[in-house]
Protein backbone atom coordinates (compact mmCIF):
# COMPACT_ATOMS: atom_id res chain seq x y z
CA MET A 1 0.06 0.04 -0.09
CA THR A 2 3.15 2.35 0.43
CA LEU A 3 3.33 1.58 -3.20
CA ALA A 4 0.99 5.03 -4.08
CA MET A 5 2.68 7.11 -1.68
CA THR A 6 4.70 9.83 -3.64
CA ILE A 7 8.42 9.31 -0.83
CA ARG A 8 8.67 6.28 0.87
CA ILE A 9 10.88 6.07 3.76
CA ALA A 10 12.54 2.32 5.45
CA TYR A 11 14.71 1.31 7.45
CA GLU A 12 17.56 -0.39 5.75
CA GLY A 13 17.01 -4.13 7.49
CA ALA A 14 12.82 -4.18 6.91
CA LYS A 15 11.98 -7.33 5.28
CA VAL A 16 10.02 -6.20 2.39
CA GLY A 17 8.61 -8.75 -0.23
CA PHE A 18 5.20 -8.97 -2.77
CA VAL A 19 4.60 -12.25 -1.49
CA PHE A 20 1.42 -12.80 -3.58
CA SER A 21 2.70 -15.56 -5.70
CA ARG A 22 3.59 -17.54 -2.93
CA ARG A 23 0.13 -16.70 -1.52
CA GLY A 24 -1.50 -17.77 -4.52
CA VAL A 25 -3.49 -14.10 -4.91
CA VAL A 26 -3.01 -11.65 -7.13
CA MET A 27 -1.10 -7.84 -7.16
CA GLU A 28 -3.07 -5.58 -4.84
CA ALA A 29 -3.85 -2.08 -4.16
CA ALA A 30 -2.71 -0.79 -7.63
CA SER A 31 0.83 -2.13 -7.47
CA SER A 32 1.20 -3.88 -10.27
CA PHE A 33 0.33 -0.33 -11.64
CA PHE A 34 3.33 1.29 -9.31
CA LEU A 35 5.52 -1.12 -8.73
CA PRO A 36 6.55 -1.29 -12.25
CA ARG A 37 6.82 2.12 -12.57
CA LEU A 38 8.91 3.40 -10.00
CA ILE A 39 11.56 0.12 -10.36
CA GLY A 40 11.15 -0.65 -13.70
CA HIS A 41 9.67 -3.75 -15.08
CA SER A 42 12.59 -5.55 -15.57
CA LYS A 43 12.53 -5.61 -11.72
CA ALA A 44 9.04 -5.91 -10.92
CA LEU A 45 8.62 -8.52 -13.24
CA TYR A 46 10.53 -11.56 -14.43
CA THR A 47 10.17 -13.92 -17.11
CA LEU A 48 9.72 -17.29 -16.52
CA ILE A 49 11.20 -18.67 -20.16
CA PHE A 50 13.41 -21.74 -19.87
CA TRP A 51 15.69 -20.59 -17.13
CA THR A 52 17.85 -22.82 -15.19
CA ALA A 53 17.42 -22.62 -11.55
CA ILE A 54 20.15 -20.71 -10.77
CA SER A 55 19.53 -18.01 -13.66
CA ILE A 56 16.63 -18.13 -11.17
CA LEU A 57 18.69 -17.71 -7.75
CA THR A 58 21.16 -15.16 -9.27
CA SER A 59 18.64 -12.62 -10.91
CA SER A 60 18.22 -9.61 -9.47
CA ARG A 61 14.77 -9.51 -10.78
CA TYR A 62 12.02 -11.71 -10.18
CA LEU A 63 10.23 -9.76 -7.03
CA THR A 64 6.30 -10.98 -7.89
CA THR A 65 7.62 -14.24 -9.75
CA THR A 66 9.26 -15.47 -6.80
CA GLY A 67 8.02 -13.68 -3.89
CA GLY A 68 11.37 -12.87 -2.54
CA VAL A 69 11.70 -11.25 0.89
CA PHE A 70 14.46 -8.81 0.85
CA PRO A 71 16.27 -6.15 3.16
CA ALA A 72 15.03 -2.54 2.11
CA SER A 73 18.86 -1.93 1.44
CA SER A 74 18.80 -4.81 -1.25
CA SER A 75 19.04 -3.56 -4.98
CA HIS A 76 16.42 -5.57 -5.68
CA PHE A 77 14.38 -2.45 -5.37
CA GLY A 78 16.26 0.53 -7.22
CA ASP A 79 14.54 3.42 -6.33
CA LEU A 80 11.88 2.29 -4.74
CA PHE A 81 12.62 4.22 -0.95
CA ALA A 82 13.63 7.61 -1.23
CA GLU A 83 15.79 7.14 1.92
CA THR A 84 16.82 3.79 3.55
CA LEU A 85 18.08 4.53 7.45
CA PRO A 86 20.04 2.63 9.99
CA THR A 87 17.74 1.92 12.63
CA SER A 88 14.30 0.90 12.30
CA GLU A 89 13.71 4.12 14.86
CA ALA A 90 14.61 6.37 12.90
CA VAL A 91 11.93 5.94 9.92
CA LEU A 92 8.76 7.82 11.77
CA PRO A 93 11.07 11.16 13.01
CA ARG A 94 12.39 11.24 9.02
CA ALA A 95 9.05 10.94 7.79
CA LEU A 96 7.29 13.37 10.27
CA GLU A 97 10.61 16.00 9.27
CA LEU A 98 9.43 15.44 5.61
CA ALA A 99 5.34 15.71 6.21
CA ALA A 100 6.21 19.17 8.37
CA GLN A 101 8.42 20.35 5.38
CA ILE A 102 5.95 19.41 3.36
CA ALA A 103 2.93 21.18 4.67
CA SER A 104 4.45 24.12 4.93
CA GLN A 105 6.17 24.67 2.42
CA THR A 106 4.25 23.17 -0.90
CA SER A 107 0.75 23.74 -2.13
CA PRO A 108 -1.63 20.53 -1.73
CA ILE A 109 -3.49 21.80 -4.74
CA SER A 110 -0.29 21.49 -6.96
CA THR A 111 1.17 18.47 -5.62
CA TYR A 112 -2.17 16.52 -6.23
CA LEU A 113 -1.94 18.37 -9.82
CA MET A 114 1.42 16.98 -10.61
CA ARG A 115 0.80 13.71 -9.43
CA GLU A 116 -2.17 13.51 -11.34
CA MET A 117 -0.12 14.75 -14.62
CA MET A 118 2.07 12.02 -14.09
CA TYR A 119 -0.16 9.12 -13.27
CA ARG A 120 -2.84 10.04 -15.67
CA GLY A 121 -1.39 12.49 -18.32
CA PRO A 122 -1.35 12.35 -22.07
CA THR A 123 1.48 10.02 -23.45
CA SER A 124 2.74 12.22 -25.59
CA ALA A 125 5.18 15.45 -25.28
CA GLU A 126 2.71 17.31 -27.23
CA GLY A 127 -0.75 15.93 -25.13
CA THR A 128 1.52 16.82 -22.10
CA HIS A 129 2.35 20.37 -23.07
CA LEU A 130 -1.61 21.13 -23.71
CA LEU A 131 -2.24 19.59 -20.60
CA ASP A 132 -0.01 21.54 -18.31
CA SER A 133 0.08 24.99 -20.55
CA GLU A 134 -4.33 24.63 -19.59
CA LEU A 135 -3.88 23.88 -15.88
CA MET A 136 -1.37 26.99 -15.72
CA VAL A 137 -4.06 29.05 -17.29
CA GLN A 138 -6.57 28.01 -15.46
CA LEU A 139 -3.94 28.32 -11.76
CA TYR A 140 -2.89 31.83 -12.41
CA ASP A 141 -5.97 33.70 -10.42
CA LYS A 142 -5.96 30.79 -7.88
CA GLU A 143 -5.13 31.74 -4.22
CA ASP A 144 -2.25 29.54 -3.77
CA LYS A 145 -0.06 30.57 -7.62
CA THR A 146 -0.35 34.73 -5.99
CA GLU A 147 0.71 33.12 -2.06
CA GLY A 148 3.19 31.74 -3.75
CA ILE A 149 4.58 34.26 -5.91
CA ARG A 150 4.03 37.19 -3.58
CA SER A 151 6.27 34.91 -0.38
CA PHE A 152 8.47 34.41 -3.04
CA VAL A 153 8.88 38.14 -3.50
CA GLU A 154 8.51 38.79 -0.26
CA LYS A 155 11.22 36.75 0.83
CA ARG A 156 8.96 35.04 4.02
CA PRO A 157 7.11 31.66 4.19
CA VAL A 158 4.85 30.78 2.31
CA LYS A 159 1.21 30.37 4.06
CA PHE A 160 -1.12 28.01 1.39
CA ARG A 161 -5.05 28.37 1.99
CA GLY A 162 -6.41 26.91 -1.21
CA ASP A 163 -8.84 24.17 -0.91
CA PHE A 164 -10.03 21.72 -3.03
CA LYS A 165 -13.41 23.21 -4.03
CA THR A 166 -12.13 26.58 -5.47
CA GLY A 167 -8.35 26.01 -6.35
CA VAL A 168 -8.28 23.05 -8.24
CA PRO A 169 -8.92 24.01 -12.30
CA GLN A 170 -12.03 22.82 -14.64
CA ALA A 171 -9.83 20.64 -16.21
CA VAL A 172 -9.65 18.36 -13.99
CA PRO A 173 -10.23 15.84 -14.38
CA TRP A 174 -8.91 15.35 -18.25
CA TRP A 175 -9.31 12.15 -17.86
CA GLU A 176 -11.76 9.89 -18.65
CA PRO A 177 -12.88 8.36 -15.01
CA LEU A 178 -13.66 4.56 -15.08
CA ASN A 179 -16.95 2.69 -14.40
CA ILE A 180 -16.51 -0.02 -11.63
CA VAL A 181 -19.12 -0.85 -12.33
CA PRO A 182 -20.38 -3.98 -14.04
CA ALA A 183 -22.32 -4.01 -16.80
CA ARG A 184 -24.65 -7.34 -16.30
CA ARG A 185 -23.91 -8.71 -12.67
CA ALA A 186 -23.62 -12.35 -12.66
CA ALA A 187 -25.82 -13.92 -10.10
CA ARG A 188 -23.76 -15.08 -6.74
CA THR A 189 -24.50 -18.40 -5.56
CA GLY A 190 -23.60 -19.85 -2.50
CA SER A 191 -21.62 -18.65 0.78
CA SER A 192 -18.50 -17.28 1.08
CA LYS A 193 -15.69 -19.34 1.10
CA LEU A 194 -13.89 -16.71 3.09
């Protein structure tokens, strides 16, 4: 569930694994979307095509296929963690320090929009330019943009107060929302197996 987070911090000795295949289930919490984008497909998924047992044991790219568990500092995870810290006790204070910095210095609306642009943006440079230009124009008169520029010019700490009801541009959502309700629901029979 931490894959969707913007910044991930871990104790370097923490045991991390994507053990879904060892439990007979599939990846959840959108991890199949985030993991390959964060560390690359080759590290996220190891394709089993006539590899020997030695290849499997020496490969550094088999997180989901083998369900192996590795320390957070392992090269298996690439850049998954922004920081790995020497003690588990250091993780929470560092996370809180970063959270305080983000809360006091960044616009929640800008942060939200940039994240959505990365995950839901167009697939070409031209399309991306059209989107970011439209969002910039629509942000021009918004409270957070005015405060961000004013605090910079006045050389003082920023105080963002924009809210999502009035601060988000009209172009949002630019993506087509998913319909998660099946067209035809199959009748369920029997009781749950869980």
